[in-house]
Amino acid sequence: MIPAAKPIIGDEERAAVDRVLKSGMLAQGPEVAAFEEEFSKHVGGRHCVAMNSGTSALHLGFIAAGIERGDEVIVPSFSFAATANSVVLAGGVPVFADIDPKTFNLDPDHAESLITKKTKAIMPVHLYGHIAAMDRFAEISNKHGVKIIEDAAQGHLASLNGRNTGEFGVVASFSFYPTKNMTAGEGGMVVTEDAGIARMLRLLRNQGQEIRYQNEVIGFNTRMTDIHAAIGRVQLAKLPGWTATRQANAAYLDANLKGVVTPFVAPNSKHSYHQYTIRIPGGDAAKRDEFMKRIGEKGVGSGVYYPTPIHRLPSFKLDLSLPETELVIKECVSLPVHPSLTQSELETIVSVVNEVAASL
């Protein structure tokens, strides 16, 4: 089976962990500080604050950005639940908007139509590695005075007009979960150009203290360990090369797949292909599921991210009309695009997908 995703862990990562274990400094320490500094080079030199998970990065990012109880935050419903959960955990109210069916990202026009006096922020998600329409969201921010907060959990090194994800919002949050384009084993990073927000993030992640036992605010324990940071540093150095390989793999699939809708890339954008997500046209989830079953039987792994929109999950249970979201969840399926793929495996994916698509 060609897996849909495959974390890459090698001797350099193992050596980095061993180095930390031998040092005796296991909690947040010099490796975390170095990881933050190195990550900053990929986000325009902004302040970077490491966390123990991408969800913690989202959660504390909202708090540090000033989201308070009752504040509305506009988010896409077509995303992982943490996108909306983090709003609620910070005391805010998620307001779900529809998506652009080409990019799968938050539709700026629909988001703008939902702005009220209670709206404090809009959080675009760079879903599957395609950067959201950040130039349009900047216009909306300036017009209405709302903050833009980036969910960049899947957007490592995606860009628009030469600017990477993480360089647009008041804060941006990244994830280093094992299946992301780079991993730290587990972890997250919050990025901001505001020194005051960065300091608040450092307080919040460490029980509200910068100096031991001098707790300034009510905080959390969301620190990243030096073990995870050491892995992240190794992976970060490999990320540009891995991204180029993902893009090359995607280009091969684009050029050779038939009978399916291949991923769209907006003008002046660079897709980092966290997922290579196609659509099986027809608006029929059963047809999509049959496609997945058949390609799986022929050795090609796949996945659906995400089969249920957040607003319909049991945790929210909202009755909303989001037609593009409802259509996409019936048609989308992600194929392997990870850097471990061989040319033979790419050819197999093309052959199998084309054969099955033609038979549906």
Protein backbone atom coordinates (compact mmCIF):
# COMPACT_ATOMS: atom_id res chain seq x y z
CA MET A 1 0.00 0.00 0.00
CA ILE A 2 1.28 3.47 -0.91
CA PRO A 3 0.40 5.45 2.24
CA ALA A 4 -1.51 8.73 2.00
CA ALA A 5 0.97 10.30 4.45
CA LYS A 6 4.35 9.20 5.74
CA PRO A 7 6.40 10.92 8.46
CA ILE A 8 10.11 10.92 7.66
CA ILE A 9 12.33 10.27 10.67
CA GLY A 10 16.01 9.52 10.07
CA ASP A 11 19.36 9.23 11.79
CA GLU A 12 19.75 13.01 12.14
CA GLU A 13 16.53 13.28 14.15
CA ARG A 14 17.58 10.34 16.34
CA ALA A 15 20.99 11.92 16.93
CA ALA A 16 19.35 15.23 17.87
CA VAL A 17 17.16 13.50 20.47
CA ASP A 18 20.15 11.61 21.84
CA ARG A 19 22.07 14.89 22.12
CA VAL A 20 19.31 16.37 24.26
CA LEU A 21 18.98 13.26 26.42
CA LYS A 22 22.71 13.32 27.11
CA SER A 23 22.58 17.02 28.01
CA GLY A 24 20.09 16.47 30.83
CA MET A 25 18.14 19.58 29.74
CA LEU A 26 14.83 18.03 28.70
CA ALA A 27 12.27 20.77 29.36
CA GLN A 28 12.02 24.06 27.50
CA GLY A 29 15.59 25.27 27.07
CA PRO A 30 18.26 26.16 24.50
CA GLU A 31 16.90 23.85 21.80
CA VAL A 32 13.50 25.57 21.95
CA ALA A 33 15.12 29.00 21.77
CA ALA A 34 17.20 27.92 18.76
CA PHE A 35 14.16 26.40 17.04
CA GLU A 36 12.22 29.64 17.48
CA GLU A 37 15.08 31.69 16.05
CA GLU A 38 15.51 29.38 13.06
CA PHE A 39 11.78 29.25 12.34
CA SER A 40 11.68 33.05 12.37
CA LYS A 41 13.80 33.12 9.20
CA HIS A 42 10.90 31.53 7.28
CA VAL A 43 8.28 34.03 8.47
CA GLY A 44 9.89 37.37 7.72
CA GLY A 45 11.85 37.60 10.95
CA ARG A 46 8.74 37.69 13.14
CA HIS A 47 8.70 36.67 16.80
CA CYS A 48 8.18 32.91 17.21
CA VAL A 49 6.93 31.22 20.37
CA ALA A 50 6.99 27.42 20.50
CA MET A 51 4.16 25.39 22.05
CA ASN A 52 3.46 21.76 22.86
CA SER A 53 0.87 21.40 20.07
CA GLY A 54 -0.74 23.19 17.16
CA THR A 55 -3.99 23.40 19.12
CA SER A 56 -2.22 25.13 22.00
CA ALA A 57 -0.73 27.53 19.46
CA LEU A 58 -4.21 28.38 18.17
CA HIS A 59 -5.72 28.65 21.65
CA LEU A 60 -3.05 30.86 23.19
CA GLY A 61 -2.73 32.85 19.98
CA PHE A 62 -6.36 33.93 20.33
CA ILE A 63 -5.92 34.90 23.97
CA ALA A 64 -2.74 36.88 23.32
CA ALA A 65 -4.39 38.62 20.36
CA GLY A 66 -7.13 39.91 22.67
CA ILE A 67 -10.06 37.62 21.94
CA GLU A 68 -12.41 37.85 24.90
CA ARG A 69 -15.65 36.27 26.05
CA GLY A 70 -18.42 36.84 23.53
CA ASP A 71 -16.16 38.07 20.71
CA GLU A 72 -17.11 36.62 17.33
CA VAL A 73 -14.44 35.06 15.14
CA ILE A 74 -15.30 34.11 11.56
CA VAL A 75 -13.84 30.72 10.58
CA PRO A 76 -14.38 28.13 7.85
CA SER A 77 -16.45 25.08 8.72
CA PHE A 78 -14.40 23.01 6.28
CA SER A 79 -11.39 22.41 8.53
CA PHE A 80 -10.24 20.32 11.48
CA ALA A 81 -12.26 20.85 14.66
CA ALA A 82 -9.35 22.58 16.44
CA THR A 83 -9.93 25.64 14.23
CA ALA A 84 -13.25 26.35 15.94
CA ASN A 85 -12.48 24.67 19.27
CA SER A 86 -9.67 27.13 19.91
CA VAL A 87 -12.04 30.06 19.49
CA VAL A 88 -14.38 28.60 22.10
CA LEU A 89 -11.52 27.75 24.47
CA ALA A 90 -10.44 31.40 24.34
CA GLY A 91 -13.99 32.48 25.22
CA GLY A 92 -15.00 33.56 21.73
CA VAL A 93 -17.84 32.51 19.45
CA PRO A 94 -16.99 30.85 16.11
CA VAL A 95 -19.07 32.08 13.18
CA PHE A 96 -18.89 29.63 10.30
CA ALA A 97 -18.45 30.83 6.73
CA ASP A 98 -18.41 29.02 3.41
CA ILE A 99 -15.38 28.28 1.24
CA ASP A 100 -14.03 29.06 -2.19
CA PRO A 101 -14.63 25.73 -3.98
CA LYS A 102 -11.45 26.10 -6.03
CA THR A 103 -8.95 26.55 -3.19
CA PHE A 104 -11.04 24.98 -0.37
CA ASN A 105 -10.19 28.06 1.71
CA LEU A 106 -12.41 30.57 3.49
CA ASP A 107 -14.44 32.66 1.03
CA PRO A 108 -13.54 36.32 1.73
CA ASP A 109 -16.83 37.68 0.38
CA HIS A 110 -18.96 35.38 2.52
CA ALA A 111 -16.77 36.06 5.53
CA GLU A 112 -17.18 39.81 5.04
CA SER A 113 -20.97 39.45 4.82
CA LEU A 114 -21.00 37.87 8.30
CA ILE A 115 -19.21 40.74 10.07
CA THR A 116 -21.21 42.28 12.93
CA LYS A 117 -20.45 44.67 15.77
CA LYS A 118 -19.30 41.65 17.77
CA THR A 119 -16.79 40.47 15.16
CA LYS A 120 -13.27 40.73 16.53
CA ALA A 121 -11.33 38.61 14.04
CA ILE A 122 -11.37 36.47 10.94
CA MET A 123 -9.27 33.31 10.84
CA PRO A 124 -8.50 31.97 7.35
CA VAL A 125 -7.10 28.43 7.26
CA HIS A 126 -4.39 27.66 4.69
CA LEU A 127 -6.05 24.33 4.03
CA TYR A 128 -4.05 21.49 2.49
CA GLY A 129 -1.11 23.88 1.99
CA HIS A 130 -2.82 26.42 -0.30
CA ILE A 131 -2.47 29.92 1.13
CA ALA A 132 -5.76 31.74 1.70
CA ALA A 133 -6.64 34.98 -0.13
CA MET A 134 -4.62 37.07 2.31
CA ASP A 135 -4.54 40.19 0.13
CA ARG A 136 -8.34 40.27 0.11
CA PHE A 137 -8.51 39.59 3.85
CA ALA A 138 -6.14 42.51 4.42
CA GLU A 139 -8.62 44.76 2.60
CA ILE A 140 -11.45 43.46 4.77
CA SER A 141 -9.38 44.01 7.91
CA ASN A 142 -8.63 47.60 6.98
CA LYS A 143 -12.22 48.32 6.00
CA HIS A 144 -13.92 46.86 9.06
CA GLY A 145 -11.23 47.05 11.72
CA VAL A 146 -11.18 43.32 12.42
CA LYS A 147 -8.06 41.33 13.14
CA ILE A 148 -6.74 38.66 10.79
CA ILE A 149 -5.46 35.54 12.54
CA GLU A 150 -3.89 32.77 10.45
CA ASP A 151 -4.45 29.06 11.00
CA ALA A 152 -1.26 27.94 9.27
CA ALA A 153 -1.27 24.42 10.72
CA GLN A 154 -1.04 22.96 7.20
CA GLY A 155 0.58 25.90 5.45
CA HIS A 156 4.34 25.56 5.99
CA LEU A 157 6.15 27.56 3.25
CA ALA A 158 3.03 28.25 1.19
CA SER A 159 3.19 31.79 -0.15
CA LEU A 160 1.39 34.63 -1.88
CA ASN A 161 3.29 37.27 -3.86
CA GLY A 162 6.53 36.07 -2.30
CA ARG A 163 5.32 36.30 1.32
CA ASN A 164 5.06 33.10 3.32
CA THR A 165 2.21 32.03 5.53
CA GLY A 166 2.73 33.51 8.97
CA GLU A 167 3.66 36.92 7.57
CA PHE A 168 0.11 38.30 7.26
CA GLY A 169 -1.91 37.99 10.45
CA VAL A 170 -1.73 39.62 13.86
CA VAL A 171 -0.80 36.10 14.92
CA ALA A 172 -0.36 32.87 12.98
CA SER A 173 -0.27 29.35 14.36
CA PHE A 174 1.61 26.38 12.92
CA SER A 175 1.46 22.68 13.78
CA PHE A 176 4.23 20.08 13.90
CA TYR A 177 2.01 17.02 14.23
CA PRO A 178 3.66 13.87 12.77
CA THR A 179 1.79 14.00 9.44
CA LYS A 180 2.45 17.68 8.76
CA ASN A 181 5.05 18.75 6.15
CA MET A 182 7.56 18.83 9.01
CA THR A 183 7.23 17.42 12.50
CA ALA A 184 8.68 17.86 15.93
CA GLY A 185 7.02 14.63 17.06
CA GLU A 186 4.33 16.97 18.35
CA GLY A 187 4.26 20.75 18.80
CA GLY A 188 3.22 24.12 17.47
CA MET A 189 4.51 27.64 16.86
CA VAL A 190 2.83 31.01 17.22
CA VAL A 191 4.19 33.79 15.01
CA THR A 192 3.63 37.52 15.47
CA GLU A 193 5.33 40.82 14.63
CA ASP A 194 3.99 42.38 17.85
CA ALA A 195 6.55 42.19 20.68
CA GLY A 196 3.83 42.67 23.30
CA ILE A 197 1.82 39.73 21.97
CA ALA A 198 4.98 37.62 21.84
CA ARG A 199 5.72 38.37 25.48
CA MET A 200 2.17 37.51 26.48
CA LEU A 201 2.47 34.20 24.63
CA ARG A 202 5.63 33.39 26.57
CA LEU A 203 3.82 34.16 29.80
CA LEU A 204 0.75 32.15 28.89
CA ARG A 205 2.68 29.01 27.89
CA ASN A 206 4.67 28.97 31.15
CA GLN A 207 2.14 29.33 33.98
CA GLY A 208 2.07 33.11 33.54
CA GLN A 209 5.72 33.64 34.40
CA GLU A 210 8.88 34.72 32.63
CA ILE A 211 10.85 34.76 35.88
CA ARG A 212 10.36 31.72 38.07
CA TYR A 213 7.72 32.19 40.77
CA GLN A 214 6.86 35.69 39.54
CA ASN A 215 3.53 34.81 37.93
CA GLU A 216 2.12 37.87 36.16
CA VAL A 217 -1.04 36.37 34.61
CA ILE A 218 -3.10 33.19 34.85
CA GLY A 219 -1.26 30.90 32.47
CA PHE A 220 -1.01 27.35 31.18
CA ASN A 221 1.63 24.67 30.83
CA THR A 222 1.99 24.42 27.05
CA ARG A 223 5.76 24.48 26.81
CA MET A 224 7.62 22.60 24.11
CA THR A 225 10.33 20.25 25.34
CA ASP A 226 13.91 20.44 24.10
CA ILE A 227 13.47 16.90 22.79
CA HIS A 228 10.70 18.00 20.44
CA ALA A 229 12.51 21.20 19.48
CA ALA A 230 15.64 19.25 18.55
CA ILE A 231 13.60 17.10 16.16
CA GLY A 232 11.91 20.22 14.80
CA ARG A 233 15.24 21.91 14.07
CA VAL A 234 16.42 18.98 11.98
CA GLN A 235 13.13 18.80 10.11
CA LEU A 236 13.03 22.56 9.52
CA ALA A 237 16.38 22.39 7.73
CA LYS A 238 14.92 19.74 5.41
CA LEU A 239 11.60 21.50 4.87
CA PRO A 240 12.51 23.57 1.78
CA GLY A 241 13.77 20.48 -0.06
CA TRP A 242 10.79 18.41 1.00
CA THR A 243 8.44 21.18 -0.12
CA ALA A 244 10.09 21.29 -3.55
CA THR A 245 9.64 17.52 -3.83
CA ARG A 246 5.97 17.75 -2.88
CA GLN A 247 5.51 20.42 -5.54
CA ALA A 248 7.27 18.28 -8.15
CA ASN A 249 5.15 15.26 -7.21
CA ALA A 250 2.01 17.39 -7.46
CA ALA A 251 3.07 18.70 -10.87
CA TYR A 252 3.47 15.12 -12.13
CA LEU A 253 0.02 14.19 -10.85
CA ASP A 254 -1.49 17.36 -12.33
CA ALA A 255 -0.08 16.53 -15.74
CA ASN A 256 -1.16 12.90 -15.81
CA LEU A 257 -4.35 12.35 -13.83
CA LYS A 258 -7.60 12.05 -15.78
CA GLY A 259 -11.26 11.90 -14.85
CA VAL A 260 -10.81 13.81 -11.59
CA VAL A 261 -10.54 17.50 -10.66
CA THR A 262 -6.93 18.22 -9.69
CA PRO A 263 -5.96 20.92 -7.15
CA PHE A 264 -6.28 24.55 -8.19
CA VAL A 265 -3.48 27.02 -7.47
CA ALA A 266 -4.44 30.69 -7.35
CA PRO A 267 -2.38 33.27 -9.27
CA ASN A 268 0.82 34.43 -7.55
CA SER A 269 0.47 31.61 -5.00
CA LYS A 270 2.76 28.71 -4.16
CA HIS A 271 1.05 25.59 -2.85
CA SER A 272 3.04 23.52 -0.35
CA TYR A 273 0.82 20.43 -0.78
CA HIS A 274 0.31 19.25 2.75
CA GLN A 275 -2.37 17.24 0.98
CA TYR A 276 -2.95 16.65 -2.72
CA THR A 277 -6.74 16.89 -2.71
CA ILE A 278 -8.75 16.03 -5.79
CA ARG A 279 -12.50 16.05 -6.37
CA ILE A 280 -14.62 13.24 -7.76
CA PRO A 281 -17.25 15.26 -9.62
CA GLY A 282 -20.93 14.56 -9.20
CA GLY A 283 -21.73 15.56 -5.64
CA ASP A 284 -22.07 11.91 -4.62
CA ALA A 285 -20.29 10.79 -1.44
CA ALA A 286 -21.06 7.15 -2.24
CA LYS A 287 -19.29 7.51 -5.59
CA ARG A 288 -16.28 9.12 -3.88
CA ASP A 289 -16.18 6.37 -1.27
CA GLU A 290 -16.35 3.70 -3.97
CA PHE A 291 -13.44 5.40 -5.73
CA MET A 292 -11.40 5.26 -2.52
CA LYS A 293 -12.29 1.62 -1.93
CA ARG A 294 -11.21 0.60 -5.43
CA ILE A 295 -7.92 2.48 -5.46
CA GLY A 296 -7.19 1.06 -2.00
CA GLU A 297 -7.71 -2.44 -3.32
CA LYS A 298 -5.10 -1.65 -5.95
CA GLY A 299 -2.57 -0.39 -3.41
CA VAL A 300 -3.08 3.38 -3.35
CA GLY A 301 -3.87 4.93 0.01
CA SER A 302 -6.15 7.95 0.36
CA GLY A 303 -8.05 9.97 2.95
CA VAL A 304 -10.94 12.37 3.37
CA TYR A 305 -10.11 15.57 5.24
CA TYR A 306 -12.77 16.39 6.46
CA PRO A 307 -15.91 14.25 6.08
CA THR A 308 -18.12 16.34 8.39
CA PRO A 309 -18.06 20.15 8.48
CA ILE A 310 -17.37 21.54 11.94
CA HIS A 311 -20.76 23.18 12.31
CA ARG A 312 -22.46 19.78 12.01
CA LEU A 313 -20.23 17.97 14.51
CA PRO A 314 -21.96 16.91 17.76
CA SER A 315 -19.91 19.53 19.60
CA PHE A 316 -21.63 22.36 17.68
CA LYS A 317 -24.83 21.05 16.00
CA LEU A 318 -25.64 24.20 14.03
CA ASP A 319 -28.17 24.43 11.22
CA LEU A 320 -26.42 26.54 8.58
CA SER A 321 -26.49 26.89 4.82
CA LEU A 322 -22.93 26.46 3.51
CA PRO A 323 -23.53 24.96 0.06
CA GLU A 324 -19.94 24.90 -1.21
CA THR A 325 -18.76 23.23 1.97
CA GLU A 326 -21.53 20.64 1.77
CA LEU A 327 -20.64 19.84 -1.84
CA VAL A 328 -16.89 19.58 -1.29
CA ILE A 329 -17.20 17.12 1.60
CA LYS A 330 -18.97 14.73 -0.79
CA GLU A 331 -16.34 14.98 -3.52
CA CYS A 332 -12.91 15.54 -1.99
CA VAL A 333 -10.27 12.87 -1.47
CA SER A 334 -6.56 13.28 -0.77
CA LEU A 335 -3.94 11.21 -2.60
CA PRO A 336 -0.29 10.56 -1.64
CA VAL A 337 2.07 13.45 -2.45
CA HIS A 338 4.67 13.13 0.32
CA PRO A 339 8.43 13.36 -0.39
CA SER A 340 9.01 9.63 0.12
CA LEU A 341 7.19 8.71 -3.10
CA THR A 342 9.29 7.07 -5.79
CA GLN A 343 8.76 7.63 -9.51
CA SER A 344 7.39 4.10 -9.72
CA GLU A 345 4.86 4.87 -6.99
CA LEU A 346 3.81 8.10 -8.73
CA GLU A 347 3.25 6.13 -11.92
CA THR A 348 1.21 3.58 -9.98
CA ILE A 349 -0.97 6.32 -8.46
CA VAL A 350 -1.65 7.77 -11.92
CA SER A 351 -2.39 4.39 -13.47
CA VAL A 352 -4.72 3.28 -10.68
CA VAL A 353 -6.57 6.58 -10.32
CA ASN A 354 -7.11 6.91 -14.08
CA GLU A 355 -8.34 3.32 -14.36
CA VAL A 356 -10.77 3.60 -11.46
CA ALA A 357 -12.01 7.08 -12.41
CA ALA A 358 -12.81 5.86 -15.91
CA SER A 359 -14.82 2.93 -14.55
CA LEU A 360 -17.08 4.89 -12.17
